Amino acid sequence: MRKKVDSRVRIMVEQNVLRNQRSLFVVVGDNGKDQVTNLHYLLSKITTKKPSVLWCYKKDLGFSSNRRKRGRNIKKAIKQGKYDTATDDPFELFLSSTDIRFCYYRDSESILGKTYDMCVLSDFEALTPNLLCRTMETVSGGGIVMVMLRTMSSLKQLYSTVMDAHSKFRGEDHDTVEPRFNERFILSLADCRNCLVVDDELNVLPVSQATLGSISETSSSENVDQAELATANDEAERDALVGELDPDSTLSKVVKLAKTCDQAKAVMSFGQVITSQNMGQVVSLTAARGRGKSASLGMAIALAITQGYSNVFVTAPSPENLTTLFEFVLKTFESLGYAEHQDYSLVQQQTGSEEDGSDSRARLETGGGGHRGVNKPLVRINVYKTHRQTIQYVSPADSKYISQGELLVIDEAAAIPLPVVKGLFGTGQHITLMSSTVQGYEGTGRALSLKLIAELRKQQKGSRNDPNGKHLTELSLETPIRYASGDGLEAWLGRLLCLDATSPPTLRNLDGLPMPEQCELYLVNRDTLFSYHKASEVFLRNMQSLFVSSHYKNSPNDLLLMSDAPKHHVFALLPPLSKSQGRLPEVLVSIQV
């Protein structure tokens, strides 16, 4: 039986397509997969294209992702009289006619750098904060994210759901896990813009007040017009930058690949440093996730090859982290007229190689055009258009190989231990390009920006007249690439996972630091800390910012550990308190044990 869908569902998707922002649907019910078809159809009608889908799950989809196997199962169901054409036919048609990437949660690293129009997250109990970031980040502006929940009489039942991650927290002495994170997750949905909680028939549930309050029966165009104007202004500014360059120059052709004005400026700055060939320069690029840091580095590397650089070394926590970087090296090569096999060849890491500390450059195999191995990361590009040039991945621990390089590129420096990054800087005279995530799940990089960058600034002040000194240039990217600025899902994830807690809190209410003997150490009640009360959220953010700014690598999963692990306790060192204070105390030190 056909049923009219709530108009608020359509209006929210339409508005977000026009704004280039993402929509989140939390679907409650065992038949939620049937609404994947309907929302995909709705999105295809609004965007007039066939949206691509990423479907993530733990083990069992409930149907086969293999087309031939599904055909055999359908024939078997027909013979047994169990095939319902009213419900099974539309879903089978959707599966057979749609570009769907099925992905186990355990393989989710393989989707980094990929972009989809729709993301379906099944098996809620398998989700972690890291997985939420990793999967939602792949969805482009105007796209849809669906989180599937089983049938329940109240969302409060989700508070007590046992998550797969809890198995790691249990021990002989601590068998009970309090799922505080789930409760905070559900409560936070009320403040998530561009989110609707629906049942498995797309009936809207009265949960997402922030979205329901902004949706009227007739779509308002004011915010849409503002978003379109901001996008148009950014594109015009980017085009103006490109127009100032010689249209026949290599730099102009490379900068044209930039998606935002921010990125165009960064690539131009990289280009100026590279063309100067003044060894010893350091360029630091910082940004939140999804701003195009890796792509900018990839364009800069290709530009360096055109400038005659023979030895370019690239380092990152692992070769898998360089997927986007190498992708944009190749895209830039294509725009400059380079042809694979004729002008360059690709080399991939061998399957099954172990990180045993041996020479990371030896574990390689040559790629061959369309026969390159699936999921094998690129680790070297050999270029021979004018002379032999090499773009080579080197493990951060193998810094001894970098001394002969002319250009060193460090991608995701935030996820590399600070002493190792420092060691990379002392490996000879070369130009260094470095990127770091200041918000995101790879690591927030505050130790990098607070300590290493501060040290480089100090060195620069003391060696302005020294030609061999380090000369630092600092760049940042603000504009998102996949979706528009002000995206509701990005803001919600940032609050939920404290991704924006990257700087230690300012001690506004203290004239100076009190003496240690005046301070008191308190055990923090985690039920209160993760209750999603307004005051608790401020206190949690202050505590998390101290953790982030004092450690080189932080992960959103740390928040799950802090909230749910029964063996863990959280302490806060507070200044002297007054009963009549009437405000939150300043957090001087936060401790998790």
Foldseek 3Di string as FASTA:
>chain_A
DDDDFDLLVLLLLLLQLLLFFEAEEEAEAPLQLLVVLVVQVSLCVNVVHRWAEEEEDAPDPVADLDLVVNVVVQVVCVVVVNDDCVRPVSSNVCSVPHHYHYYYLVRLLLCVPAATQEYEYEDVLADFLQSVQSRVLRHFTSGYYYYYHHHDPDLVVQQPDHHPVCVVQDDPVRHDWRSLLRLLVQLLQLVFANYFYAYSVNHTDPRNVNHVVQDDSDHDCPSSVVSVVVQVVFVVLLVVVLVVDDCPDLLSLLLVPDQTSQLSVLLVVLLVVLLVLLWQEEEEEEEAPQQCPLLSLLSSVLSNVVSPFAEEEEEEQDLSVNQNSVVNVVVSCVSVPHDEPVFKWWKFFDPPDDPPVPFRQPRIDTADPPRGDPPTGTAKMWGCNPHTHIYGYGYLVPLQVCLPGAEYEYEACLLPAPVSVVVNSPRHIHYYYYYHHCFHFSANQLCVCVPVVVVLVVQCVVCVVPSNHYHYHYGYGYAGRRGGPPHSVVVSSCLSLVRVLAAADDQPPDPDDDDQVQKDKDWDDLSQLSNPDPQSSVVVSNQVSQVRNVGSGDGSSVVSCARINPVKTKMFIFGHDDPPPPHDTHTPHIDMD
